[in-house]
Amino acid sequence: MAMIRKPKTNSLFSIAQVIIGIALLALSTHLALASETYLEVLNQGGLNQYHAFALLVCFSFFAGILLIAQQAFKQDSHQFDELSSY
Protein backbone atom coordinates (compact mmCIF):
# COMPACT_ATOMS: atom_id res chain seq x y z
CA MET A 1 0.00 0.00 0.00
CA ALA A 2 1.20 3.45 -0.84
CA MET A 3 1.21 5.96 1.97
CA ILE A 4 -0.59 9.20 1.35
CA ARG A 5 1.45 12.16 2.50
CA LYS A 6 -0.24 15.14 4.04
CA PRO A 7 0.94 18.57 2.97
CA LYS A 8 3.44 20.38 5.16
CA THR A 9 1.02 23.24 5.71
CA ASN A 10 -1.06 20.93 7.90
CA SER A 11 1.86 20.26 10.21
CA LEU A 12 2.84 23.94 10.26
CA PHE A 13 -0.74 24.84 11.13
CA SER A 14 -0.69 22.27 13.93
CA ILE A 15 2.53 23.69 15.35
CA ALA A 16 1.17 27.24 15.11
CA GLN A 17 -2.04 26.13 16.80
CA VAL A 18 -0.16 24.68 19.78
CA ILE A 19 2.13 27.72 20.05
CA ILE A 20 -0.86 30.11 20.00
CA GLY A 21 -2.60 27.96 22.61
CA ILE A 22 0.43 28.11 24.90
CA ALA A 23 0.75 31.87 24.31
CA LEU A 24 -2.91 32.39 25.25
CA LEU A 25 -2.44 30.35 28.42
CA ALA A 26 0.65 32.39 29.29
CA LEU A 27 -1.25 35.63 28.63
CA SER A 28 -4.18 34.63 30.83
CA THR A 29 -1.82 33.53 33.60
CA HIS A 30 0.11 36.80 33.43
CA LEU A 31 -3.08 38.87 33.45
CA ALA A 32 -4.49 36.92 36.38
CA LEU A 33 -1.29 37.25 38.43
CA ALA A 34 -0.87 40.96 37.68
CA SER A 35 -4.58 41.78 37.82
CA GLU A 36 -4.15 44.22 40.70
CA THR A 37 -1.86 46.41 38.62
CA TYR A 38 -4.06 46.31 35.53
CA LEU A 39 -7.23 47.05 37.49
CA GLU A 40 -5.51 49.98 39.25
CA VAL A 41 -4.55 51.47 35.88
CA LEU A 42 -8.10 50.96 34.58
CA ASN A 43 -9.52 52.71 37.65
CA GLN A 44 -7.11 55.66 37.29
CA GLY A 45 -8.18 56.09 33.67
CA GLY A 46 -11.84 56.04 34.64
CA LEU A 47 -12.31 52.68 32.95
CA ASN A 48 -13.69 50.64 35.82
CA GLN A 49 -14.33 47.52 33.76
CA TYR A 50 -13.89 44.59 36.11
CA HIS A 51 -16.20 42.43 34.04
CA ALA A 52 -14.40 43.12 30.76
CA PHE A 53 -11.04 42.33 32.36
CA ALA A 54 -12.32 39.07 33.84
CA LEU A 55 -13.85 38.12 30.50
CA LEU A 56 -10.54 38.78 28.76
CA VAL A 57 -8.68 36.54 31.21
CA CYS A 58 -11.28 33.75 30.96
CA PHE A 59 -11.54 33.99 27.18
CA SER A 60 -7.78 33.77 26.65
CA PHE A 61 -7.51 30.86 29.07
CA PHE A 62 -10.32 28.82 27.52
CA ALA A 63 -9.21 29.64 23.97
CA GLY A 64 -5.73 28.35 24.76
CA ILE A 65 -7.11 25.17 26.33
CA LEU A 66 -9.43 24.56 23.36
CA LEU A 67 -6.67 25.06 20.79
CA ILE A 68 -4.36 22.60 22.53
CA ALA A 69 -7.19 20.11 23.18
CA GLN A 70 -8.25 20.25 19.53
CA GLN A 71 -4.72 19.43 18.46
CA ALA A 72 -4.44 16.60 20.98
CA PHE A 73 -7.78 15.18 19.80
CA LYS A 74 -6.58 15.25 16.18
CA GLN A 75 -3.40 13.39 17.17
CA ASP A 76 -5.36 10.76 19.12
CA SER A 77 -7.81 10.12 16.30
CA HIS A 78 -4.94 9.92 13.80
CA GLN A 79 -3.12 7.35 15.97
CA PHE A 80 -6.34 5.36 16.33
CA ASP A 81 -6.76 5.34 12.53
CA GLU A 82 -3.21 4.02 12.15
CA LEU A 83 -3.81 1.22 14.68
CA SER A 84 -7.17 0.23 13.27
CA SER A 85 -6.96 -2.36 10.50
CA TYR A 86 -10.53 -1.75 9.35
PDB file of N, CA and C in Angstrom:
ATOM      1  N   MET A   1       0.827  -1.178   0.000  1.00  0.00           N
ATOM      2  CA  MET A   1       0.000   0.000   0.000  1.00  0.00           C
ATOM      3  C   MET A   1       0.874   1.244   0.000  1.00  0.00           C
ATOM      4  N   ALA A   2       0.474   2.182  -0.793  1.00  0.00           N
ATOM      5  CA  ALA A   2       1.198   3.448  -0.844  1.00  0.00           C
ATOM      6  C   ALA A   2       0.682   4.361   0.253  1.00  0.00           C
ATOM      7  N   MET A   3       1.603   5.027   0.915  1.00  0.00           N
ATOM      8  CA  MET A   3       1.206   5.963   1.968  1.00  0.00           C
ATOM      9  C   MET A   3       0.866   7.305   1.343  1.00  0.00           C
ATOM     10  N   ILE A   4      -0.188   7.883   1.815  1.00  0.00           N
ATOM     11  CA  ILE A   4      -0.587   9.203   1.352  1.00  0.00           C
ATOM     12  C   ILE A   4       0.053  10.224   2.280  1.00  0.00           C
ATOM     13  N   ARG A   5       0.784  11.134   1.693  1.00  0.00           N
ATOM     14  CA  ARG A   5       1.450  12.158   2.501  1.00  0.00           C
ATOM     15  C   ARG A   5       0.557  13.385   2.621  1.00  0.00           C
ATOM     16  N   LYS A   6       0.510  13.910   3.807  1.00  0.00           N
ATOM     17  CA  LYS A   6      -0.243  15.137   4.036  1.00  0.00           C
ATOM     18  C   LYS A   6       0.667  16.314   3.724  1.00  0.00           C
ATOM     19  N   PRO A   7       0.095  17.407   3.267  1.00  0.00           N
ATOM     20  CA  PRO A   7       0.937  18.567   2.970  1.00  0.00           C
ATOM     21  C   PRO A   7       1.581  19.136   4.228  1.00  0.00           C
ATOM     22  N   LYS A   8       2.711  19.804   4.021  1.00  0.00           N
ATOM     23  CA  LYS A   8       3.444  20.376   5.159  1.00  0.00           C
ATOM     24  C   LYS A   8       2.663  21.488   5.834  1.00  0.00           C
ATOM     25  N   THR A   9       1.777  22.148   5.110  1.00  0.00           N
ATOM     26  CA  THR A   9       1.015  23.235   5.715  1.00  0.00           C
ATOM     27  C   THR A   9       0.174  22.735   6.871  1.00  0.00           C
ATOM     28  N   ASN A  10      -0.280  21.490   6.802  1.00  0.00           N
ATOM     29  CA  ASN A  10      -1.064  20.929   7.896  1.00  0.00           C
ATOM     30  C   ASN A  10      -0.225  20.820   9.162  1.00  0.00           C
ATOM     31  N   SER A  11       1.020  20.367   9.034  1.00  0.00           N
ATOM     32  CA  SER A  11       1.864  20.260  10.214  1.00  0.00           C
ATOM     33  C   SER A  11       2.286  21.633  10.722  1.00  0.00           C
ATOM     34  N   LEU A  12       2.505  22.577   9.832  1.00  0.00           N
ATOM     35  CA  LEU A  12       2.836  23.943  10.256  1.00  0.00           C
ATOM     36  C   LEU A  12       1.657  24.582  10.983  1.00  0.00           C
ATOM     37  N   PHE A  13       0.454  24.321  10.470  1.00  0.00           N
ATOM     38  CA  PHE A  13      -0.738  24.840  11.135  1.00  0.00           C
ATOM     39  C   PHE A  13      -0.890  24.222  12.519  1.00  0.00           C
ATOM     40  N   SER A  14      -0.595  22.948  12.644  1.00  0.00           N
ATOM     41  CA  SER A  14      -0.690  22.270  13.933  1.00  0.00           C
ATOM     42  C   SER A  14       0.301  22.852  14.932  1.00  0.00           C
ATOM     43  N   ILE A  15       1.511  23.098  14.478  1.00  0.00           N
ATOM     44  CA  ILE A  15       2.531  23.693  15.347  1.00  0.00           C
ATOM     45  C   ILE A  15       2.112  25.104  15.760  1.00  0.00           C
ATOM     46  N   ALA A  16       1.618  25.876  14.802  1.00  0.00           N
ATOM     47  CA  ALA A  16       1.167  27.241  15.109  1.00  0.00           C
ATOM     48  C   ALA A  16       0.000  27.218  16.085  1.00  0.00           C
ATOM     49  N   GLN A  17      -0.880  26.244  15.925  1.00  0.00           N
ATOM     50  CA  GLN A  17      -2.036  26.125  16.805  1.00  0.00           C
ATOM     51  C   GLN A  17      -1.602  25.857  18.247  1.00  0.00           C
ATOM     52  N   VAL A  18      -0.649  24.982  18.435  1.00  0.00           N
ATOM     53  CA  VAL A  18      -0.162  24.675  19.784  1.00  0.00           C
ATOM     54  C   VAL A  18       0.577  25.879  20.372  1.00  0.00           C
ATOM     55  N   ILE A  19       1.388  26.545  19.567  1.00  0.00           N
ATOM     56  CA  ILE A  19       2.126  27.723  20.051  1.00  0.00           C
ATOM     57  C   ILE A  19       1.164  28.834  20.460  1.00  0.00           C
ATOM     58  N   ILE A  20       0.132  29.072  19.654  1.00  0.00           N
ATOM     59  CA  ILE A  20      -0.855  30.106  19.996  1.00  0.00           C
ATOM     60  C   ILE A  20      -1.609  29.710  21.260  1.00  0.00           C
ATOM     61  N   GLY A  21      -1.928  28.423  21.397  1.00  0.00           N
ATOM     62  CA  GLY A  21      -2.598  27.960  22.610  1.00  0.00           C
ATOM     63  C   GLY A  21      -1.760  28.191  23.849  1.00  0.00           C
ATOM     64  N   ILE A  22      -0.476  27.880  23.763  1.00  0.00           N
ATOM     65  CA  ILE A  22       0.427  28.110  24.903  1.00  0.00           C
ATOM     66  C   ILE A  22       0.575  29.602  25.180  1.00  0.00           C
ATOM     67  N   ALA A  23       0.643  30.413  24.131  1.00  0.00           N
ATOM     68  CA  ALA A  23       0.751  31.866  24.314  1.00  0.00           C
ATOM     69  C   ALA A  23      -0.500  32.426  24.985  1.00  0.00           C
ATOM     70  N   LEU A  24      -1.677  31.928  24.612  1.00  0.00           N
ATOM     71  CA  LEU A  24      -2.910  32.390  25.253  1.00  0.00           C
ATOM     72  C   LEU A  24      -2.968  31.978  26.718  1.00  0.00           C
ATOM     73  N   LEU A  25      -2.492  30.777  27.018  1.00  0.00           N
ATOM     74  CA  LEU A  25      -2.440  30.353  28.423  1.00  0.00           C
ATOM     75  C   LEU A  25      -1.466  31.210  29.221  1.00  0.00           C
ATOM     76  N   ALA A  26      -0.328  31.533  28.614  1.00  0.00           N
ATOM     77  CA  ALA A  26       0.647  32.394  29.291  1.00  0.00           C
ATOM     78  C   ALA A  26       0.077  33.794  29.502  1.00  0.00           C
ATOM     79  N   LEU A  27      -0.635  34.311  28.505  1.00  0.00           N
ATOM     80  CA  LEU A  27      -1.248  35.635  28.630  1.00  0.00           C
ATOM     81  C   LEU A  27      -2.285  35.653  29.747  1.00  0.00           C
ATOM     82  N   SER A  28      -3.147  34.652  29.784  1.00  0.00           N
ATOM     83  CA  SER A  28      -4.178  34.630  30.825  1.00  0.00           C
ATOM     84  C   SER A  28      -3.560  34.481  32.209  1.00  0.00           C
ATOM     85  N   THR A  29      -2.501  33.696  32.314  1.00  0.00           N
ATOM     86  CA  THR A  29      -1.820  33.534  33.604  1.00  0.00           C
ATOM     87  C   THR A  29      -1.181  34.848  34.043  1.00  0.00           C
ATOM     88  N   HIS A  30      -0.515  35.523  33.111  1.00  0.00           N
ATOM     89  CA  HIS A  30       0.111  36.804  33.433  1.00  0.00           C
ATOM     90  C   HIS A  30      -0.938  37.837  33.855  1.00  0.00           C
ATOM     91  N   LEU A  31      -2.030  37.907  33.108  1.00  0.00           N
ATOM     92  CA  LEU A  31      -3.079  38.869  33.450  1.00  0.00           C
ATOM     93  C   LEU A  31      -3.697  38.565  34.806  1.00  0.00           C
ATOM     94  N   ALA A  32      -3.897  37.288  35.090  1.00  0.00           N
ATOM     95  CA  ALA A  32      -4.489  36.921  36.377  1.00  0.00           C
ATOM     96  C   ALA A  32      -3.550  37.243  37.538  1.00  0.00           C
ATOM     97  N   LEU A  33      -2.257  36.985  37.348  1.00  0.00           N
ATOM     98  CA  LEU A  33      -1.295  37.246  38.428  1.00  0.00           C
ATOM     99  C   LEU A  33      -1.064  38.736  38.646  1.00  0.00           C
ATOM    100  N   ALA A  34      -1.115  39.525  37.585  1.00  0.00           N
ATOM    101  CA  ALA A  34      -0.872  40.963  37.681  1.00  0.00           C
ATOM    102  C   ALA A  34      -2.174  41.753  37.614  1.00  0.00           C
ATOM    103  N   SER A  35      -3.275  41.129  37.964  1.00  0.00           N
ATOM    104  CA  SER A  35      -4.577  41.779  37.816  1.00  0.00           C
ATOM    105  C   SER A  35      -4.702  43.039  38.667  1.00  0.00           C
ATOM    106  N   GLU A  36      -4.075  43.042  39.844  1.00  0.00           N
ATOM    107  CA  GLU A  36      -4.148  44.219  40.705  1.00  0.00           C
ATOM    108  C   GLU A  36      -3.613  45.455  39.995  1.00  0.00           C
ATOM    109  N   THR A  37      -2.483  45.300  39.333  1.00  0.00           N
ATOM    110  CA  THR A  37      -1.861  46.413  38.619  1.00  0.00           C
ATOM    111  C   THR A  37      -2.733  46.881  37.461  1.00  0.00           C
ATOM    112  N   TYR A  38      -3.227  45.940  36.674  1.00  0.00           N
ATOM    113  CA  TYR A  38      -4.058  46.311  35.527  1.00  0.00           C
ATOM    114  C   TYR A  38      -5.354  46.978  35.957  1.00  0.00           C
ATOM    115  N   LEU A  39      -5.988  46.450  37.021  1.00  0.00           N
ATOM    116  CA  LEU A  39      -7.235  47.051  37.492  1.00  0.00           C
ATOM    117  C   LEU A  39      -6.991  48.443  38.078  1.00  0.00           C
ATOM    118  N   GLU A  40      -5.852  48.653  38.713  1.00  0.00           N
ATOM    119  CA  GLU A  40      -5.512  49.979  39.248  1.00  0.00           C
ATOM    120  C   GLU A  40      -5.370  50.994  38.115  1.00  0.00           C
ATOM    121  N   VAL A  41      -4.718  50.584  37.042  1.00  0.00           N
ATOM    122  CA  VAL A  41      -4.554  51.466  35.882  1.00  0.00           C
ATOM    123  C   VAL A  41      -5.907  51.753  35.240  1.00  0.00           C
ATOM    124  N   LEU A  42      -6.763  50.751  35.139  1.00  0.00           N
ATOM    125  CA  LEU A  42      -8.099  50.961  34.578  1.00  0.00           C
ATOM    126  C   LEU A  42      -8.907  51.936  35.431  1.00  0.00           C
ATOM    127  N   ASN A  43      -8.790  51.815  36.763  1.00  0.00           N
ATOM    128  CA  ASN A  43      -9.516  52.714  37.653  1.00  0.00           C
ATOM    129  C   ASN A  43      -9.003  54.145  37.541  1.00  0.00           C
ATOM    130  N   GLN A  44      -7.681  54.320  37.414  1.00  0.00           N
ATOM    131  CA  GLN A  44      -7.106  55.659  37.288  1.00  0.00           C
ATOM    132  C   GLN A  44      -7.557  56.320  36.002  1.00  0.00           C
ATOM    133  N   GLY A  45      -7.737  55.547  34.953  1.00  0.00           N
ATOM    134  CA  GLY A  45      -8.180  56.093  33.669  1.00  0.00           C
ATOM    135  C   GLY A  45      -9.686  56.249  33.580  1.00  0.00           C
ATOM    136  N   GLY A  46     -10.392  55.940  34.658  1.00  0.00           N
ATOM    137  CA  GLY A  46     -11.841  56.038  34.637  1.00  0.00           C
ATOM    138  C   GLY A  46     -12.504  54.887  33.898  1.00  0.00           C
ATOM    139  N   LEU A  47     -11.767  53.838  33.671  1.00  0.00           N
ATOM    140  CA  LEU A  47     -12.306  52.679  32.954  1.00  0.00           C
ATOM    141  C   LEU A  47     -12.492  51.520  33.929  1.00  0.00           C
ATOM    142  N   ASN A  48     -13.460  51.667  34.810  1.00  0.00           N
ATOM    143  CA  ASN A  48     -13.691  50.641  35.816  1.00  0.00           C
ATOM    144  C   ASN A  48     -14.449  49.487  35.175  1.00  0.00           C
ATOM    145  N   GLN A  49     -13.710  48.612  34.507  1.00  0.00           N
ATOM    146  CA  GLN A  49     -14.333  47.524  33.764  1.00  0.00           C
ATOM    147  C   GLN A  49     -13.862  46.181  34.311  1.00  0.00           C
ATOM    148  N   TYR A  50     -14.279  45.861  35.501  1.00  0.00           N
ATOM    149  CA  TYR A  50     -13.889  44.590  36.107  1.00  0.00           C
ATOM    150  C   TYR A  50     -14.397  43.413  35.283  1.00  0.00           C
ATOM    151  N   HIS A  51     -15.616  43.538  34.788  1.00  0.00           N
ATOM    152  CA  HIS A  51     -16.201  42.429  34.039  1.00  0.00           C
ATOM    153  C   HIS A  51     -15.469  42.202  32.720  1.00  0.00           C
ATOM    154  N   ALA A  52     -15.111  43.268  32.033  1.00  0.00           N
ATOM    155  CA  ALA A  52     -14.396  43.118  30.762  1.00  0.00           C
ATOM    156  C   ALA A  52     -13.020  42.497  30.990  1.00  0.00           C
ATOM    157  N   PHE A  53     -12.359  42.891  32.057  1.00  0.00           N
ATOM    158  CA  PHE A  53     -11.039  42.329  32.362  1.00  0.00           C
ATOM    159  C   PHE A  53     -11.148  40.842  32.685  1.00  0.00           C
ATOM    160  N   ALA A  54     -12.133  40.490  33.493  1.00  0.00           N
ATOM    161  CA  ALA A  54     -12.319  39.075  33.845  1.00  0.00           C
ATOM    162  C   ALA A  54     -12.683  38.257  32.608  1.00  0.00           C
ATOM    163  N   LEU A  55     -13.503  38.820  31.731  1.00  0.00           N
ATOM    164  CA  LEU A  55     -13.851  38.116  30.498  1.00  0.00           C
ATOM    165  C   LEU A  55     -12.632  37.921  29.610  1.00  0.00           C
ATOM    166  N   LEU A  56     -11.758  38.914  29.553  1.00  0.00           N
ATOM    167  CA  LEU A  56     -10.536  38.783  28.755  1.00  0.00           C
ATOM    168  C   LEU A  56      -9.660  37.656  29.287  1.00  0.00           C
ATOM    169  N   VAL A  57      -9.501  37.593  30.596  1.00  0.00           N
ATOM    170  CA  VAL A  57      -8.681  36.539  31.208  1.00  0.00           C
ATOM    171  C   VAL A  57      -9.299  35.165  30.944  1.00  0.00           C
ATOM    172  N   CYS A  58     -10.602  35.044  31.163  1.00  0.00           N
ATOM    173  CA  CYS A  58     -11.276  33.748  30.959  1.00  0.00           C
ATOM    174  C   CYS A  58     -11.265  33.342  29.489  1.00  0.00           C
ATOM    175  N   PHE A  59     -11.514  34.309  28.607  1.00  0.00           N
ATOM    176  CA  PHE A  59     -11.538  33.994  27.180  1.00  0.00           C
ATOM    177  C   PHE A  59     -10.177  33.505  26.701  1.00  0.00           C
ATOM    178  N   SER A  60      -9.110  34.190  27.100  1.00  0.00           N
ATOM    179  CA  SER A  60      -7.779  33.771  26.646  1.00  0.00           C
ATOM    180  C   SER A  60      -7.402  32.421  27.226  1.00  0.00           C
ATOM    181  N   PHE A  61      -7.807  32.153  28.464  1.00  0.00           N
ATOM    182  CA  PHE A  61      -7.505  30.856  29.073  1.00  0.00           C
ATOM    183  C   PHE A  61      -8.233  29.730  28.340  1.00  0.00           C
ATOM    184  N   PHE A  62      -9.541  29.885  28.162  1.00  0.00           N
ATOM    185  CA  PHE A  62     -10.319  28.820  27.518  1.00  0.00           C
ATOM    186  C   PHE A  62      -9.972  28.669  26.042  1.00  0.00           C
ATOM    187  N   ALA A  63      -9.631  29.753  25.371  1.00  0.00           N
ATOM    188  CA  ALA A  63      -9.213  29.645  23.971  1.00  0.00           C
ATOM    189  C   ALA A  63      -7.912  28.857  23.859  1.00  0.00           C
ATOM    190  N   GLY A  64      -6.978  29.104  24.759  1.00  0.00           N
ATOM    191  CA  GLY A  64      -5.729  28.350  24.758  1.00  0.00           C
ATOM    192  C   GLY A  64      -5.948  26.880  25.026  1.00  0.00           C
ATOM    193  N   ILE A  65      -6.794  26.571  26.014  1.00  0.00           N
ATOM    194  CA  ILE A  65      -7.107  25.172  26.327  1.00  0.00           C
ATOM    195  C   ILE A  65      -7.759  24.491  25.128  1.00  0.00           C
ATOM    196  N   LEU A  66      -8.719  25.165  24.498  1.00  0.00           N
ATOM    197  CA  LEU A  66      -9.428  24.561  23.364  1.00  0.00           C
ATOM    198  C   LEU A  66      -8.506  24.321  22.173  1.00  0.00           C
ATOM    199  N   LEU A  67      -7.596  25.253  21.901  1.00  0.00           N
ATOM    200  CA  LEU A  67      -6.666  25.055  20.787  1.00  0.00           C
ATOM    201  C   LEU A  67      -5.768  23.846  21.023  1.00  0.00           C
ATOM    202  N   ILE A  68      -5.242  23.728  22.227  1.00  0.00           N
ATOM    203  CA  ILE A  68      -4.361  22.601  22.532  1.00  0.00           C
ATOM    204  C   ILE A  68      -5.154  21.292  22.564  1.00  0.00           C
ATOM    205  N   ALA A  69      -6.366  21.316  23.124  1.00  0.00           N
ATOM    206  CA  ALA A  69      -7.190  20.108  23.178  1.00  0.00           C
ATOM    207  C   ALA A  69      -7.591  19.654  21.779  1.00  0.00           C
ATOM    208  N   GLN A  70      -7.895  20.599  20.900  1.00  0.00           N
ATOM    209  CA  GLN A  70      -8.249  20.254  19.532  1.00  0.00           C
ATOM    210  C   GLN A  70      -7.087  19.554  18.846  1.00  0.00           C
ATOM    211  N   GLN A  71      -5.899  20.045  19.060  1.00  0.00           N
ATOM    212  CA  GLN A  71      -4.716  19.434  18.458  1.00  0.00           C
ATOM    213  C   GLN A  71      -4.469  18.049  19.041  1.00  0.00           C
ATOM    214  N   ALA A  72      -4.635  17.903  20.340  1.00  0.00           N
ATOM    215  CA  ALA A  72      -4.443  16.600  20.976  1.00  0.00           C
ATOM    216  C   ALA A  72      -5.489  15.608  20.484  1.00  0.00           C
ATOM    217  N   PHE A  73      -6.720  16.055  20.301  1.00  0.00           N
ATOM    218  CA  PHE A  73      -7.777  15.176  19.797  1.00  0.00           C
ATOM    219  C   PHE A  73      -7.469  14.717  18.380  1.00  0.00           C
ATOM    220  N   LYS A  74      -6.945  15.628  17.547  1.00  0.00           N
ATOM    221  CA  LYS A  74      -6.576  15.246  16.180  1.00  0.00           C
ATOM    222  C   LYS A  74      -5.479  14.188  16.194  1.00  0.00           C
ATOM    223  N   GLN A  75      -4.492  14.349  17.079  1.00  0.00           N
ATOM    224  CA  GLN A  75      -3.397  13.391  17.174  1.00  0.00           C
ATOM    225  C   GLN A  75      -3.914  12.028  17.632  1.00  0.00           C
ATOM    226  N   ASP A  76      -4.811  12.023  18.623  1.00  0.00           N
ATOM    227  CA  ASP A  76      -5.361  10.761  19.124  1.00  0.00           C
ATOM    228  C   ASP A  76      -6.166  10.037  18.055  1.00  0.00           C
ATOM    229  N   SER A  77      -6.998  10.760  17.329  1.00  0.00           N
ATOM    230  CA  SER A  77      -7.812  10.118  16.300  1.00  0.00           C
ATOM    231  C   SER A  77      -6.932   9.624  15.148  1.00  0.00           C
ATOM    232  N   HIS A  78      -5.856  10.352  14.861  1.00  0.00           N
ATOM    233  CA  HIS A  78      -4.938   9.919  13.803  1.00  0.00           C
ATOM    234  C   HIS A  78      -4.222   8.633  14.225  1.00  0.00           C
ATOM    235  N   GLN A  79      -3.788   8.560  15.471  1.00  0.00           N
ATOM    236  CA  GLN A  79      -3.125   7.349  15.965  1.00  0.00           C
ATOM    237  C   GLN A  79      -4.088   6.178  15.999  1.00  0.00           C
ATOM    238  N   PHE A  80      -5.355   6.434  16.328  1.00  0.00           N
ATOM    239  CA  PHE A  80      -6.344   5.362  16.331  1.00  0.00           C
ATOM    240  C   PHE A  80      -6.556   4.843  14.908  1.00  0.00           C
ATOM    241  N   ASP A  81      -6.611   5.745  13.929  1.00  0.00           N
ATOM    242  CA  ASP A  81      -6.764   5.336  12.534  1.00  0.00           C
ATOM    243  C   ASP A  81      -5.597   4.475  12.073  1.00  0.00           C
ATOM    244  N   GLU A  82      -4.393   4.813  12.539  1.00  0.00           N
ATOM    245  CA  GLU A  82      -3.213   4.023  12.152  1.00  0.00           C
ATOM    246  C   GLU A  82      -3.253   2.627  12.764  1.00  0.00           C
ATOM    247  N   LEU A  83      -3.756   2.512  13.996  1.00  0.00           N
ATOM    248  CA  LEU A  83      -3.805   1.219  14.677  1.00  0.00           C
ATOM    249  C   LEU A  83      -4.937   0.342  14.168  1.00  0.00           C
ATOM    250  N   SER A  84      -6.010   0.981  13.725  1.00  0.00           N
ATOM    251  CA  SER A  84      -7.173   0.226  13.270  1.00  0.00           C
ATOM    252  C   SER A  84      -6.901  -0.408  11.906  1.00  0.00           C
ATOM    253  N   SER A  85      -7.185  -1.680  11.781  1.00  0.00           N
ATOM    254  CA  SER A  85      -6.961  -2.356  10.495  1.00  0.00           C
ATOM    255  C   SER A  85      -8.184  -2.295   9.593  1.00  0.00           C
ATOM    256  N   TYR A  86      -9.289  -1.826  10.136  1.00  0.00           N
ATOM    257  CA  TYR A  86     -10.526  -1.750   9.346  1.00  0.00           C
ATOM    258  C   TYR A  86     -10.900  -0.334   9.070  1.00  0.00           C
TER     259      TYR A  86
END
